[in-house]
Protein backbone atom coordinates (compact mmCIF):
# COMPACT_ATOMS: atom_id res chain seq x y z
CA MET A 1 0.00 0.00 0.00
CA SER A 2 1.43 3.37 -0.98
CA GLN A 3 1.46 6.42 1.21
CA GLU A 4 0.87 9.83 -0.35
CA THR A 5 1.07 13.37 0.95
CA LEU A 6 -1.86 15.77 0.65
CA THR A 7 -0.19 17.20 -2.47
CA GLY A 8 -0.05 13.75 -4.08
CA THR A 9 3.63 12.92 -3.60
CA ASN A 10 4.07 9.18 -3.24
CA LEU A 11 6.21 8.77 -0.10
CA SER A 12 6.40 5.01 -0.61
CA GLU A 13 8.15 5.53 -3.96
CA LEU A 14 10.58 8.03 -2.42
CA ARG A 15 11.38 5.58 0.39
CA GLU A 16 11.97 2.78 -2.12
CA GLU A 17 14.28 5.04 -4.13
CA TYR A 18 16.26 5.99 -1.02
CA ASP A 19 16.44 2.36 0.11
CA LYS A 20 17.73 1.13 -3.25
CA LYS A 21 20.42 3.80 -3.52
CA VAL A 22 21.69 3.42 0.05
CA ASN A 23 21.39 -0.35 0.39
CA GLU A 24 22.24 -1.49 -3.15
CA THR A 25 23.63 1.10 -5.56
CA LEU A 26 26.21 2.79 -3.33
CA PRO A 27 27.52 -0.40 -1.65
CA ASN A 28 27.82 -2.06 -5.07
CA MET A 29 29.73 0.93 -6.43
CA ALA A 30 32.06 0.85 -3.43
CA GLN A 31 32.80 -2.85 -3.94
CA ASP A 32 33.52 -2.27 -7.63
CA SER A 33 35.85 0.69 -6.93
CA ASP A 34 39.15 0.97 -5.15
CA GLY A 35 39.75 3.09 -2.09
CA TRP A 36 36.30 4.19 -1.05
CA PRO A 37 36.35 5.06 2.67
CA ILE A 38 33.07 3.20 3.33
CA HIS A 39 31.56 0.08 1.80
CA LEU A 40 28.62 -1.06 3.94
CA ASN A 41 25.02 0.00 3.49
CA HIS A 42 24.60 1.22 7.08
CA CYS A 43 27.63 3.47 6.61
CA PHE A 44 26.09 4.99 3.50
CA GLY A 45 22.87 5.49 5.44
CA ARG A 46 24.79 7.28 8.20
CA VAL A 47 26.59 9.55 5.74
CA VAL A 48 23.49 10.39 3.72
CA LEU A 49 21.34 11.09 6.78
CA ASP A 50 23.99 13.02 8.71
CA ASN A 51 24.55 15.23 5.67
CA THR A 52 20.80 15.65 5.25
CA PHE A 53 20.59 17.17 8.73
CA GLU A 54 24.15 18.56 8.85
CA ASP A 55 24.37 16.87 12.21
CA GLU A 56 24.10 13.41 13.75
CA TRP A 57 20.78 12.20 12.36
CA TYR A 58 19.72 10.44 15.59
CA ASP A 59 18.96 13.88 17.05
CA HIS A 60 16.48 14.66 14.26
CA VAL A 61 14.55 11.47 13.46
CA ASP A 62 12.11 9.69 15.72
CA GLY A 63 11.66 6.04 14.92
CA ARG A 64 13.55 3.39 13.01
CA PRO A 65 14.26 2.71 10.25
CA ALA A 66 15.04 6.39 9.80
CA TYR A 67 14.08 6.67 6.13
CA GLU A 68 10.54 5.56 6.95
CA ASN A 69 10.23 8.49 9.36
CA LEU A 70 11.55 11.29 7.16
CA SER A 71 9.36 14.09 5.85
CA GLU A 72 8.91 14.54 2.11
CA LYS A 73 11.44 17.40 2.14
CA GLU A 74 13.97 15.32 4.10
CA LEU A 75 13.54 12.34 1.76
CA HIS A 76 14.15 14.54 -1.28
CA LYS A 77 17.30 15.99 0.30
CA ALA A 78 18.59 12.53 1.28
CA ILE A 79 17.98 11.20 -2.25
CA ASP A 80 19.73 14.24 -3.72
CA ILE A 81 22.76 13.57 -1.50
CA ALA A 82 22.82 9.89 -2.50
CA ASP A 83 22.58 10.94 -6.17
CA ILE A 84 25.56 13.27 -5.79
CA MET A 85 27.55 10.44 -4.21
CA ILE A 86 26.57 8.14 -7.10
CA GLU A 87 27.43 10.74 -9.76
CA GLU A 88 30.69 12.03 -8.27
CA GLY A 89 31.97 8.87 -6.60
CA LYS A 90 34.93 8.51 -4.26
CA PRO A 91 35.93 12.19 -3.75
CA THR A 92 32.43 13.18 -2.70
CA VAL A 93 31.95 10.06 -0.59
CA LYS A 94 35.19 10.89 1.24
CA LYS A 95 34.12 14.51 1.81
CA LEU A 96 30.63 13.63 3.04
CA ASN A 97 31.98 10.83 5.25
CA LYS A 98 34.37 13.34 6.86
CA ASN A 99 31.45 15.69 7.50
CA SER A 100 29.59 12.86 9.21
CA LEU A 101 32.56 11.83 11.32
CA ARG A 102 33.21 15.44 12.34
CA TRP A 103 29.58 15.88 13.50
CA ARG A 104 30.02 12.69 15.54
CA ASP A 105 33.35 13.85 17.03
CA LYS A 106 35.14 10.89 15.42
CA LEU A 107 37.90 12.87 13.69
């Protein structure tokens, strides 16, 4: 069953798009490429969501899995970030991962 906003945006489709990019596309790209700083789907989820909020995402999302609890605007931003990572590859993944680690005081 799909879930739509009052304006007709299909949130279920946005969630599926996010899920595919974070759990399949990006990890597959990382395995096929050399030297990516992250390879696992949960790491890509962390990086995408932290960069969506420009902070540790746990402080901004109630409920798990996170992508099922994002607003339409947040889902669009997260998908845009994943798309940039897919298009630009390793340099952008490294930069966004560093952002995430800095917000988590891991650098």
